[in-house]
N, C-alpha and C. Protein backbone atom coordinates (compact mmCIF):
# COMPACT_ATOMS: atom_id res chain seq x y z
N MET A 1 45.24 161.24 51.32
CA MET A 1 44.32 161.56 51.00
C MET A 1 43.18 162.64 50.97
N ALA A 2 42.73 162.72 50.36
CA ALA A 2 41.65 164.49 50.18
C ALA A 2 40.95 163.81 50.36
N LEU A 3 40.01 164.67 51.75
CA LEU A 3 38.39 164.56 51.81
C LEU A 3 37.84 164.76 50.71
N PRO A 4 37.00 164.51 50.05
CA PRO A 4 35.47 164.88 49.51
C PRO A 4 34.55 166.33 49.63
N LEU A 5 34.72 167.14 49.00
CA LEU A 5 34.48 168.71 49.24
C LEU A 5 32.75 168.12 49.61
N PRO A 6 32.60 168.97 51.34
CA PRO A 6 30.64 169.01 51.24
C PRO A 6 29.37 169.77 49.85
N GLN A 7 28.75 168.55 49.94
CA GLN A 7 27.81 168.71 48.73
C GLN A 7 26.52 169.15 49.67
N ARG A 8 25.48 170.06 48.98
CA ARG A 8 24.85 170.92 49.16
C ARG A 8 23.42 169.80 49.21
N THR A 9 22.50 169.76 49.89
CA THR A 9 21.87 169.41 49.64
C THR A 9 20.72 169.11 48.12
N LEU A 10 20.89 167.73 47.89
CA LEU A 10 20.06 167.75 46.42
C LEU A 10 18.31 167.78 46.32
N PHE A 11 17.53 167.93 45.37
CA PHE A 11 16.81 168.48 45.30
C PHE A 11 16.26 167.50 44.03
N THR A 12 14.88 167.10 44.42
CA THR A 12 14.07 166.45 42.82
C THR A 12 12.81 168.07 42.87
N ILE A 13 12.10 167.49 41.38
CA ILE A 13 10.84 168.34 41.66
C ILE A 13 10.40 167.63 40.36
N GLY A 14 8.95 167.57 39.42
CA GLY A 14 8.44 166.86 38.86
C GLY A 14 7.61 168.45 37.59
N HIS A 15 7.59 168.72 37.01
CA HIS A 15 7.12 169.31 35.96
C HIS A 15 5.24 169.52 35.88
N SER A 16 5.29 168.28 35.97
CA SER A 16 3.65 168.19 36.31
C SER A 16 3.12 168.48 35.00
N ASP A 17 1.51 169.21 35.89
CA ASP A 17 1.17 169.96 34.42
C ASP A 17 1.23 171.78 34.59
N HIS A 18 2.56 171.84 35.32
CA HIS A 18 2.47 173.14 36.10
C HIS A 18 2.40 174.73 34.30
N ALA A 19 2.16 175.28 35.29
CA ALA A 19 2.19 177.07 34.18
C ALA A 19 4.23 177.07 34.79
N ALA A 20 5.13 177.44 33.70
CA ALA A 20 6.41 177.65 33.99
C ALA A 20 6.67 178.09 34.74
N GLY A 21 5.91 179.49 34.98
CA GLY A 21 6.43 180.77 36.38
C GLY A 21 6.12 179.59 37.89
N VAL A 22 5.57 178.55 37.34
CA VAL A 22 5.22 177.69 38.76
C VAL A 22 6.05 177.81 39.14
N LEU A 23 6.62 176.20 38.42
CA LEU A 23 7.60 175.57 38.29
C LEU A 23 8.94 176.76 38.73
N ILE A 24 9.31 178.13 37.92
CA ILE A 24 10.58 178.58 38.74
C ILE A 24 10.18 179.09 39.94
N GLY A 25 8.97 179.63 40.19
CA GLY A 25 8.56 179.74 41.52
C GLY A 25 8.98 178.98 42.81
N LEU A 26 8.39 177.01 42.40
CA LEU A 26 9.14 176.23 42.98
C LEU A 26 10.31 176.62 43.69
N LEU A 27 10.83 175.68 42.09
CA LEU A 27 12.54 176.78 43.22
C LEU A 27 13.40 177.81 43.40
N ARG A 28 12.53 178.98 43.66
CA ARG A 28 12.98 179.52 43.79
C ARG A 28 13.00 179.24 45.16
N LEU A 29 11.54 179.54 45.96
CA LEU A 29 11.73 178.89 46.73
C LEU A 29 12.52 177.83 47.61
N HIS A 30 13.06 177.29 47.68
CA HIS A 30 14.07 176.39 47.72
C HIS A 30 15.32 177.00 47.43
N GLY A 31 15.77 178.25 46.71
CA GLY A 31 16.90 178.20 46.60
C GLY A 31 17.50 177.50 45.12
N ILE A 32 17.07 177.34 44.91
CA ILE A 32 17.63 176.14 43.58
C ILE A 32 18.42 177.32 42.77
N GLU A 33 19.71 176.41 42.05
CA GLU A 33 20.74 177.30 41.75
C GLU A 33 20.83 176.59 40.32
N ALA A 34 20.55 175.57 39.72
CA ALA A 34 20.60 175.03 38.84
C ALA A 34 19.69 173.68 38.47
N LEU A 35 18.91 173.83 38.09
CA LEU A 35 18.07 172.50 37.24
C LEU A 35 18.86 171.65 36.26
N THR A 36 18.32 170.44 36.84
CA THR A 36 19.46 169.31 36.11
C THR A 36 18.43 168.56 34.92
N ASP A 37 18.15 168.23 34.00
CA ASP A 37 16.98 167.85 32.96
C ASP A 37 17.30 166.03 33.04
N VAL A 38 16.57 165.21 33.55
CA VAL A 38 16.71 163.74 33.60
C VAL A 38 15.91 163.05 32.40
N ARG A 39 14.98 163.81 31.68
CA ARG A 39 14.35 163.26 30.60
C ARG A 39 15.32 162.91 29.74
N SER A 40 14.54 161.77 29.17
CA SER A 40 15.23 161.26 27.90
C SER A 40 14.92 162.47 26.34
N SER A 41 14.12 162.61 27.05
CA SER A 41 12.80 163.51 26.22
C SER A 41 13.32 164.55 26.21
N PRO A 42 13.17 165.57 25.78
CA PRO A 42 12.87 167.46 27.37
C PRO A 42 12.30 168.01 26.07
N TYR A 43 10.73 166.73 25.55
CA TYR A 43 9.46 167.75 24.77
C TYR A 43 8.62 166.96 24.70
N SER A 44 7.16 167.56 24.95
CA SER A 44 6.33 167.48 25.49
C SER A 44 4.71 168.11 24.88
N ARG A 45 4.20 167.34 23.78
CA ARG A 45 3.09 167.94 22.88
C ARG A 45 2.72 168.96 24.40
N ARG A 46 1.84 167.62 25.22
CA ARG A 46 1.20 168.73 26.07
C ARG A 46 0.95 169.67 26.42
N TYR A 47 2.10 169.84 27.06
CA TYR A 47 3.32 170.94 27.69
C TYR A 47 4.31 171.73 27.00
N PRO A 48 4.54 172.38 26.23
CA PRO A 48 5.39 172.53 25.27
C PRO A 48 5.91 173.90 25.86
N GLN A 49 5.94 174.34 27.48
CA GLN A 49 6.66 175.55 27.95
C GLN A 49 7.87 174.35 28.57
N PHE A 50 7.45 173.34 28.24
CA PHE A 50 8.55 172.40 29.12
C PHE A 50 9.60 172.11 28.29
N ASN A 51 9.15 172.40 26.42
CA ASN A 51 10.33 172.03 25.41
C ASN A 51 11.44 172.62 26.68
N ARG A 52 12.78 171.80 26.10
CA ARG A 52 14.37 172.31 26.26
C ARG A 52 14.36 173.65 25.81
N GLU A 53 14.30 173.98 24.71
CA GLU A 53 14.36 174.91 24.66
C GLU A 53 13.86 175.76 24.76
N ALA A 54 12.33 176.30 25.59
CA ALA A 54 11.98 177.38 25.86
C ALA A 54 11.98 177.20 27.36
N LEU A 55 12.18 176.19 28.19
CA LEU A 55 12.62 175.68 29.44
C LEU A 55 13.91 176.49 29.90
N ALA A 56 14.83 175.99 29.27
CA ALA A 56 16.09 176.61 29.00
C ALA A 56 16.77 178.46 29.23
N ALA A 57 15.03 179.01 28.33
CA ALA A 57 15.40 180.54 27.99
C ALA A 57 14.00 181.00 29.24
N ASP A 58 13.48 180.46 30.16
CA ASP A 58 12.99 180.57 30.89
C ASP A 58 13.63 180.41 32.54
N LEU A 59 14.11 179.48 32.25
CA LEU A 59 15.77 179.13 33.66
C LEU A 59 16.52 180.43 33.54
N GLU A 60 16.88 180.79 32.30
CA GLU A 60 18.85 181.61 32.54
C GLU A 60 17.56 183.25 32.54
N ARG A 61 16.60 183.09 32.20
CA ARG A 61 15.73 184.48 32.54
C ARG A 61 15.06 184.76 34.10
N ALA A 62 15.48 183.53 34.47
CA ALA A 62 15.26 184.03 36.66
C ALA A 62 16.69 183.84 37.18
N GLY A 63 17.28 183.73 36.42
CA GLY A 63 19.13 183.31 36.98
C GLY A 63 19.19 182.29 37.21
N ILE A 64 18.48 180.97 36.70
CA ILE A 64 18.45 179.77 37.27
C ILE A 64 19.50 178.93 35.60
N ARG A 65 20.47 177.63 36.39
CA ARG A 65 21.25 177.03 35.30
C ARG A 65 20.48 176.17 35.29
N TYR A 66 20.61 175.25 33.81
CA TYR A 66 20.12 174.47 32.66
C TYR A 66 20.69 173.85 32.98
N VAL A 67 20.51 172.83 32.91
CA VAL A 67 21.58 171.55 32.69
C VAL A 67 20.80 170.29 31.99
N PHE A 68 21.50 169.49 30.87
CA PHE A 68 20.29 168.33 29.83
C PHE A 68 21.57 167.37 30.79
N LEU A 69 20.97 166.07 31.13
CA LEU A 69 21.76 164.91 31.40
C LEU A 69 20.38 163.43 31.30
N GLY A 70 19.57 163.90 30.09
CA GLY A 70 18.70 162.81 29.79
C GLY A 70 19.46 162.05 28.87
N ALA A 71 20.85 161.73 28.23
CA ALA A 71 21.47 160.73 27.21
C ALA A 71 22.31 160.17 28.52
N GLU A 72 22.47 160.48 29.49
CA GLU A 72 23.81 159.88 31.24
C GLU A 72 22.05 159.09 32.24
N LEU A 73 21.27 159.90 32.03
CA LEU A 73 20.78 160.02 33.79
C LEU A 73 19.65 159.51 33.62
N GLY A 74 18.75 159.25 32.12
CA GLY A 74 17.39 159.10 31.59
C GLY A 74 17.29 157.79 31.51
N ALA A 75 15.81 157.07 31.94
CA ALA A 75 14.85 156.12 31.59
C ALA A 75 14.67 155.72 30.80
N ARG A 76 15.08 156.50 29.59
CA ARG A 76 14.47 155.38 27.94
C ARG A 76 16.32 155.34 26.94
N ARG A 77 16.25 154.36 27.30
CA ARG A 77 18.65 154.50 27.32
C ARG A 77 18.44 153.91 25.60
N SER A 78 19.65 155.01 24.95
CA SER A 78 20.03 154.47 23.55
C SER A 78 21.06 152.96 23.48
N GLU A 79 21.76 152.80 24.73
CA GLU A 79 21.86 151.93 25.00
C GLU A 79 21.29 150.56 24.57
N PRO A 80 21.43 149.57 23.20
CA PRO A 80 20.75 148.07 23.56
C PRO A 80 20.97 147.62 25.28
N GLU A 81 21.62 147.10 25.84
CA GLU A 81 22.29 145.92 26.81
C GLU A 81 21.75 147.05 27.82
N CYS A 82 20.89 148.17 27.57
CA CYS A 82 19.84 148.34 28.98
C CYS A 82 18.65 147.76 28.92
N TYR A 83 18.54 146.89 28.16
CA TYR A 83 17.27 146.53 27.84
C TYR A 83 16.92 144.98 28.05
N ALA A 84 15.96 144.41 28.19
CA ALA A 84 15.28 142.90 27.91
C ALA A 84 14.51 142.37 28.00
N GLU A 85 14.07 141.58 26.40
CA GLU A 85 12.65 141.70 25.87
C GLU A 85 12.24 142.44 25.54
N GLY A 86 12.07 143.63 25.29
CA GLY A 86 12.15 145.07 24.78
C GLY A 86 11.80 145.52 26.58
N LYS A 87 12.64 145.93 26.92
CA LYS A 87 11.77 146.79 28.22
C LYS A 87 12.87 147.41 29.14
N ALA A 88 12.63 148.18 29.77
CA ALA A 88 14.30 149.23 30.24
C ALA A 88 14.12 148.50 31.47
N ARG A 89 15.97 147.84 31.92
CA ARG A 89 15.93 146.86 33.31
C ARG A 89 16.69 148.17 33.96
N TYR A 90 16.19 148.26 35.51
CA TYR A 90 17.44 149.29 35.43
C TYR A 90 18.39 148.77 36.67
N SER A 91 18.13 147.56 36.77
CA SER A 91 19.86 147.33 36.89
C SER A 91 20.24 147.56 35.94
N LEU A 92 20.71 147.61 34.83
CA LEU A 92 20.73 147.60 33.73
C LEU A 92 22.08 148.48 33.63
N ILE A 93 20.67 149.22 33.08
CA ILE A 93 20.90 150.59 33.43
C ILE A 93 22.26 151.56 34.48
N ALA A 94 22.10 150.88 35.38
CA ALA A 94 22.79 150.83 36.82
C ALA A 94 24.32 150.55 35.87
N ARG A 95 24.43 149.88 35.31
CA ARG A 95 25.57 149.51 34.97
C ARG A 95 26.33 149.86 34.11
N SER A 96 26.24 150.74 33.00
CA SER A 96 26.01 151.63 32.26
C SER A 96 27.07 152.81 32.56
N PRO A 97 28.64 152.66 31.88
CA PRO A 97 29.56 153.73 32.09
C PRO A 97 29.07 155.65 32.29
N LEU A 98 27.90 155.40 30.95
CA LEU A 98 26.65 156.48 30.96
C LEU A 98 26.27 157.12 31.84
N PHE A 99 25.63 156.11 32.58
CA PHE A 99 24.98 156.29 32.96
C PHE A 99 25.99 157.28 34.65
N ALA A 100 26.83 156.25 35.07
CA ALA A 100 28.21 156.52 36.07
C ALA A 100 28.17 157.64 35.83
N GLN A 101 29.26 158.08 34.46
CA GLN A 101 28.80 159.58 34.24
C GLN A 101 28.39 159.99 34.84
N GLY A 102 26.49 160.11 34.58
CA GLY A 102 25.89 161.22 34.96
C GLY A 102 25.85 161.55 36.37
N LEU A 103 26.07 160.41 36.59
CA LEU A 103 25.86 160.00 38.53
C LEU A 103 26.70 161.72 39.56
N GLU A 104 28.43 161.30 38.25
CA GLU A 104 29.52 161.87 39.24
C GLU A 104 29.22 163.73 39.21
N ARG A 105 28.67 163.78 37.58
CA ARG A 105 28.00 164.99 37.26
C ARG A 105 27.64 165.41 38.64
N VAL A 106 26.38 165.39 39.08
CA VAL A 106 25.32 165.21 39.80
C VAL A 106 25.61 165.35 41.14
N ARG A 107 26.81 164.52 41.52
CA ARG A 107 27.77 164.30 43.04
C ARG A 107 29.04 165.80 42.94
N GLN A 108 29.92 165.85 41.80
CA GLN A 108 30.24 167.25 41.41
C GLN A 108 30.12 168.54 41.64
N GLY A 109 28.63 168.62 41.18
CA GLY A 109 28.23 169.85 40.92
C GLY A 109 27.08 170.37 41.75
N ALA A 110 26.75 169.41 43.04
CA ALA A 110 26.35 169.81 44.30
C ALA A 110 27.29 170.26 45.16
N VAL A 111 29.02 170.02 44.96
CA VAL A 111 29.58 170.94 45.99
C VAL A 111 29.72 171.84 45.87
N ASN A 112 29.25 172.81 44.26
CA ASN A 112 28.64 174.46 44.24
C ASN A 112 27.43 175.30 44.24
N TYR A 113 26.90 174.31 43.99
CA TYR A 113 25.73 174.31 43.22
C TYR A 113 24.22 173.32 44.04
N SER A 114 23.87 174.46 44.18
CA SER A 114 22.04 173.90 45.10
C SER A 114 20.94 173.60 43.58
N ILE A 115 21.28 172.23 43.54
CA ILE A 115 20.55 171.18 42.67
C ILE A 115 19.23 170.63 42.69
N ALA A 116 18.51 170.65 41.60
CA ALA A 116 17.39 169.91 41.54
C ALA A 116 16.90 169.55 40.36
N LEU A 117 17.35 168.28 40.45
CA LEU A 117 17.21 166.73 39.20
C LEU A 117 15.29 166.96 38.52
N MET A 118 14.73 167.02 37.48
CA MET A 118 13.53 167.45 36.39
C MET A 118 13.11 166.43 35.95
N CYS A 119 12.18 166.08 36.45
CA CYS A 119 11.50 164.76 35.47
C CYS A 119 10.48 165.28 35.55
N ALA A 120 9.37 164.31 34.37
CA ALA A 120 7.70 165.16 34.81
C ALA A 120 7.11 164.07 35.70
N GLU A 121 7.24 163.39 35.94
CA GLU A 121 6.03 163.30 36.49
C GLU A 121 5.85 164.31 38.17
N LYS A 122 4.54 164.26 38.72
CA LYS A 122 4.09 165.07 39.92
C LYS A 122 4.94 163.73 41.09
N ASP A 123 4.55 163.11 41.69
CA ASP A 123 5.17 162.45 42.03
C ASP A 123 6.85 160.97 41.86
N PRO A 124 7.68 161.21 42.92
CA PRO A 124 8.48 160.79 43.07
C PRO A 124 8.85 159.74 42.80
N LEU A 125 7.28 158.82 43.34
CA LEU A 125 7.44 158.08 43.77
C LEU A 125 7.19 156.62 42.53
N THR A 126 7.16 157.50 41.56
CA THR A 126 6.75 156.65 39.83
C THR A 126 7.43 157.57 39.30
N CYS A 127 8.26 158.31 39.90
CA CYS A 127 9.48 158.36 38.85
C CYS A 127 10.68 157.33 39.00
N HIS A 128 11.48 158.24 37.49
CA HIS A 128 12.59 157.23 37.61
C HIS A 128 13.69 158.16 38.71
N ARG A 129 13.67 159.45 38.60
CA ARG A 129 14.34 160.82 39.27
C ARG A 129 14.72 159.55 40.76
N ALA A 130 13.80 159.37 41.41
CA ALA A 130 14.02 158.30 42.81
C ALA A 130 14.39 157.23 43.04
N ILE A 131 13.10 156.21 41.84
CA ILE A 131 13.84 155.37 42.04
C ILE A 131 14.95 154.45 41.62
N LEU A 132 15.53 156.05 40.77
CA LEU A 132 16.17 154.28 39.55
C LEU A 132 17.98 155.61 39.83
N VAL A 133 17.38 157.22 39.69
CA VAL A 133 19.29 157.82 39.75
C VAL A 133 19.11 158.46 41.26
N CYS A 134 18.19 157.87 42.50
CA CYS A 134 18.50 158.81 44.11
C CYS A 134 18.92 157.70 44.48
N ARG A 135 18.09 156.34 43.68
CA ARG A 135 18.33 155.32 44.49
C ARG A 135 19.58 154.85 44.42
N HIS A 136 20.76 155.37 43.20
CA HIS A 136 22.40 155.21 43.38
C HIS A 136 22.93 156.43 43.53
N LEU A 137 22.64 158.12 43.68
CA LEU A 137 23.20 158.66 44.82
C LEU A 137 22.75 159.08 46.59
N ARG A 138 22.55 158.32 46.97
CA ARG A 138 21.06 158.29 48.27
C ARG A 138 22.55 157.73 49.26
N ASP A 139 23.69 156.58 49.47
CA ASP A 139 24.55 157.03 49.89
C ASP A 139 26.24 157.64 49.86
N SER A 140 25.84 158.62 48.56
CA SER A 140 27.02 159.25 48.31
C SER A 140 27.19 161.13 48.47
N ILE A 141 25.84 161.07 48.34
CA ILE A 141 25.08 162.84 48.22
C ILE A 141 24.70 163.17 49.90
N ALA A 142 24.51 164.39 49.66
CA ALA A 142 24.01 165.28 50.21
C ALA A 142 22.66 164.59 50.67
N PRO A 143 21.43 165.35 51.65
CA PRO A 143 20.92 164.54 51.91
C PRO A 143 19.65 164.67 50.33
N ILE A 144 18.79 164.01 50.77
CA ILE A 144 17.74 164.11 49.25
C ILE A 144 16.13 164.58 49.61
N GLN A 145 16.01 165.88 48.55
CA GLN A 145 14.50 166.47 49.40
C GLN A 145 14.20 166.56 47.92
N HIS A 146 12.81 165.81 48.10
CA HIS A 146 11.72 165.90 46.84
C HIS A 146 10.85 167.35 46.68
N ILE A 147 10.73 168.46 45.77
CA ILE A 147 9.56 169.28 46.23
C ILE A 147 8.28 168.71 44.90
N ARG A 148 7.15 168.70 46.16
CA ARG A 148 5.90 167.75 45.84
C ARG A 148 4.93 169.20 44.99
N GLU A 149 4.43 169.06 44.26
CA GLU A 149 3.63 169.88 43.78
C GLU A 149 2.63 170.93 44.46
N ASP A 150 2.74 170.91 45.57
CA ASP A 150 2.31 172.10 46.37
C ASP A 150 3.78 173.02 47.07
N GLY A 151 4.57 172.18 47.35
CA GLY A 151 5.79 173.07 47.16
C GLY A 151 6.60 172.75 48.72
N ARG A 152 6.00 171.60 49.60
CA ARG A 152 6.40 171.07 50.59
C ARG A 152 7.44 169.75 50.12
N LEU A 153 8.77 170.14 51.76
CA LEU A 153 9.12 168.88 50.63
C LEU A 153 9.27 167.58 51.83
N GLU A 154 10.12 166.33 50.86
CA GLU A 154 9.08 165.27 50.62
C GLU A 154 10.97 164.28 51.19
N SER A 155 11.50 163.90 52.20
CA SER A 155 12.76 163.95 52.51
C SER A 155 12.74 161.54 51.54
N HIS A 156 13.84 161.98 51.48
CA HIS A 156 14.08 160.50 50.66
C HIS A 156 13.77 159.89 51.62
N GLU A 157 13.70 159.49 52.58
CA GLU A 157 13.69 158.40 54.20
C GLU A 157 12.23 158.31 53.83
N GLU A 158 11.44 159.88 53.82
CA GLU A 158 10.06 159.43 53.79
C GLU A 158 9.68 158.88 52.74
N LEU A 159 10.11 159.50 51.79
CA LEU A 159 9.93 158.78 50.33
C LEU A 159 10.11 156.74 50.51
N GLU A 160 10.68 156.49 50.44
CA GLU A 160 11.22 155.51 51.37
C GLU A 160 10.29 154.57 52.10
N ALA A 161 9.59 155.61 53.12
CA ALA A 161 8.80 154.64 54.23
C ALA A 161 7.53 154.50 52.95
N ARG A 162 7.05 155.03 52.01
CA ARG A 162 6.04 154.64 51.19
C ARG A 162 6.70 153.34 50.68
N LEU A 163 7.58 154.08 50.05
CA LEU A 163 7.81 152.88 48.85
C LEU A 163 7.66 151.53 49.67
N LEU A 164 8.31 151.27 50.20
CA LEU A 164 7.51 149.93 50.64
C LEU A 164 6.60 149.85 51.53
N THR A 165 5.77 150.71 51.73
CA THR A 165 4.04 150.90 52.21
C THR A 165 3.24 150.49 50.91
N LEU A 166 4.06 150.69 49.59
CA LEU A 166 3.17 151.05 48.37
C LEU A 166 3.85 149.70 48.08
N ALA A 167 4.90 148.71 48.53
CA ALA A 167 4.92 147.52 48.31
C ALA A 167 5.05 146.30 49.04
N GLY A 168 4.35 146.35 49.92
CA GLY A 168 3.26 146.03 51.20
C GLY A 168 4.98 145.82 51.71
N LEU A 169 5.61 146.00 52.19
CA LEU A 169 6.57 145.24 52.68
C LEU A 169 6.56 146.34 54.60
N SER A 170 6.84 144.86 55.22
CA SER A 170 6.88 145.79 56.67
C SER A 170 8.27 146.19 57.34
N GLU A 171 8.13 147.32 58.52
CA GLU A 171 10.21 147.28 58.41
C GLU A 171 9.87 146.80 59.93
N ALA A 172 8.58 145.79 59.94
CA ALA A 172 8.54 144.51 61.11
C ALA A 172 9.24 143.57 61.10
N ASP A 173 9.37 143.81 59.94
CA ASP A 173 10.23 141.71 59.46
C ASP A 173 11.05 141.68 60.80
N LEU A 174 11.29 140.10 60.42
CA LEU A 174 12.47 140.13 62.01
C LEU A 174 13.03 139.92 60.99
N PHE A 175 13.31 139.20 59.78
CA PHE A 175 14.36 137.96 59.71
C PHE A 175 15.05 139.17 58.11
N ARG A 176 14.43 139.69 58.03
CA ARG A 176 15.16 140.94 57.04
C ARG A 176 15.29 142.29 57.91
N SER A 177 16.96 142.41 57.23
CA SER A 177 17.19 143.90 57.66
C SER A 177 16.11 145.19 56.47
N ARG A 178 16.19 146.80 56.94
CA ARG A 178 15.62 147.42 55.99
C ARG A 178 15.58 147.64 54.62
N ASP A 179 17.95 147.65 54.64
CA ASP A 179 18.40 147.54 53.32
C ASP A 179 17.88 146.09 53.30
N GLU A 180 18.20 145.21 53.13
CA GLU A 180 17.20 144.52 51.77
C GLU A 180 15.57 144.13 51.68
N LEU A 181 14.63 144.94 52.64
CA LEU A 181 13.36 145.17 51.88
C LEU A 181 13.12 146.25 50.95
N LEU A 182 14.48 147.54 51.36
CA LEU A 182 14.04 149.05 49.96
C LEU A 182 14.33 147.80 48.96
N GLU A 183 15.54 147.71 48.76
CA GLU A 183 16.34 147.02 47.70
C GLU A 183 14.90 145.91 46.42
N GLU A 184 14.36 145.40 47.84
CA GLU A 184 13.11 144.18 46.98
C GLU A 184 12.49 145.53 46.77
N ALA A 185 11.87 145.99 47.15
CA ALA A 185 10.97 147.73 47.20
C ALA A 185 11.61 148.17 45.62
N TYR A 186 12.82 148.80 45.74
CA TYR A 186 12.79 149.26 44.65
C TYR A 186 12.96 148.35 43.19
N ASN A 187 13.43 147.32 43.22
CA ASN A 187 13.71 146.34 42.17
C ASN A 187 11.78 146.59 41.49
N TRP A 188 11.28 146.12 42.77
CA TRP A 188 10.05 145.77 42.30
C TRP A 188 9.07 147.12 41.74
N GLN A 189 8.94 148.58 42.40
CA GLN A 189 8.78 149.89 41.42
C GLN A 189 9.61 149.67 40.20
N GLY A 190 10.98 149.93 40.80
CA GLY A 190 11.64 150.06 39.02
C GLY A 190 10.66 149.15 37.87
N ASP A 191 10.62 147.73 37.95
CA ASP A 191 9.56 146.95 37.28
C ASP A 191 8.81 147.47 36.91
N ARG A 192 8.25 148.16 37.65
CA ARG A 192 6.88 148.17 37.03
C ARG A 192 6.50 149.60 36.38
N ILE A 193 7.52 151.35 36.69
CA ILE A 193 8.04 151.92 36.35
C ILE A 193 8.58 152.08 34.96
N ALA A 194 8.80 151.13 34.19
CA ALA A 194 10.17 151.23 33.46
C ALA A 194 9.66 150.92 32.57
N TYR A 195 10.22 151.89 31.10
CA TYR A 195 10.20 152.21 29.79
C TYR A 195 9.57 150.84 29.11
N GLU A 196 8.82 150.43 28.35
CA GLU A 196 9.01 149.46 27.79
C GLU A 196 8.85 150.07 26.38
N GLU A 197 9.45 149.14 25.14
CA GLU A 197 9.80 149.41 24.09
C GLU A 197 8.09 149.03 23.44
N ALA A 198 7.54 150.15 22.09
CA ALA A 198 5.89 149.39 21.60
C ALA A 198 6.12 148.39 20.87
N ARG A 199 5.06 147.16 21.02
CA ARG A 199 6.27 146.11 20.17
C ARG A 199 4.75 146.09 19.25
N PRO A 200 5.23 145.57 17.50
CA PRO A 200 4.62 145.45 16.45
C PRO A 200 3.11 145.09 16.64
N ALA A 201 2.51 145.81 16.07
CA ALA A 201 0.57 145.24 15.99
C ALA A 201 1.65 143.53 15.75
N GLU A 202 0.37 142.63 15.99
CA GLU A 202 0.45 141.17 15.01
C GLU A 202 0.27 141.61 13.67
N ALA A 203 0.43 140.84 12.99
CA ALA A 203 -0.18 140.62 11.99
C ALA A 203 -1.78 139.84 11.71
N VAL A 204 -3.14 140.61 11.77
CA VAL A 204 -4.43 139.90 11.33
C VAL A 204 -4.09 138.82 10.12
N PRO A 205 -4.55 137.84 10.57
CA PRO A 205 -4.67 136.85 9.43
C PRO A 205 -5.54 136.74 8.73
């Protein structure tokens, strides 16, 4: 059986409120060759520079490839089975065949390209790109690095340490392994940030 080809480091980034040129500068700083957009809806009223067509054109001029995987790896799903009581459930999304296809495309792409997964949030800890997507890539891909808004890198291991602290879970717990603590922390944070469908307004009597 042939061994899998080595993968390059996988990066993530949030476009936040940057100007398009600032985002491209951060990508160039870290040698990114392909940007994978994991937003379910690649449009922004507040930041039109990150609308899909505008962003793709700017990236092309900068020599960076643009790939949209929002249908596969986005957090607002089209599959009804990914929701419970109107709220997206990360555990259900993770079982979706489309999500699995998206993960595999990232794994395969990372063999030949230096890739950054992009969503909107500046802090990866509050974004599904880390809490959902990277959670399910961390054991099957090269090291993951998160590009922060000031250009510094945060390793996924450092992010997980922050996640445990945020969830109030101590790695010094004598009765549970770090993997068990992380599973609880990922589930807790995923439930906090998951997309929830708007409920119809109650009729006024």
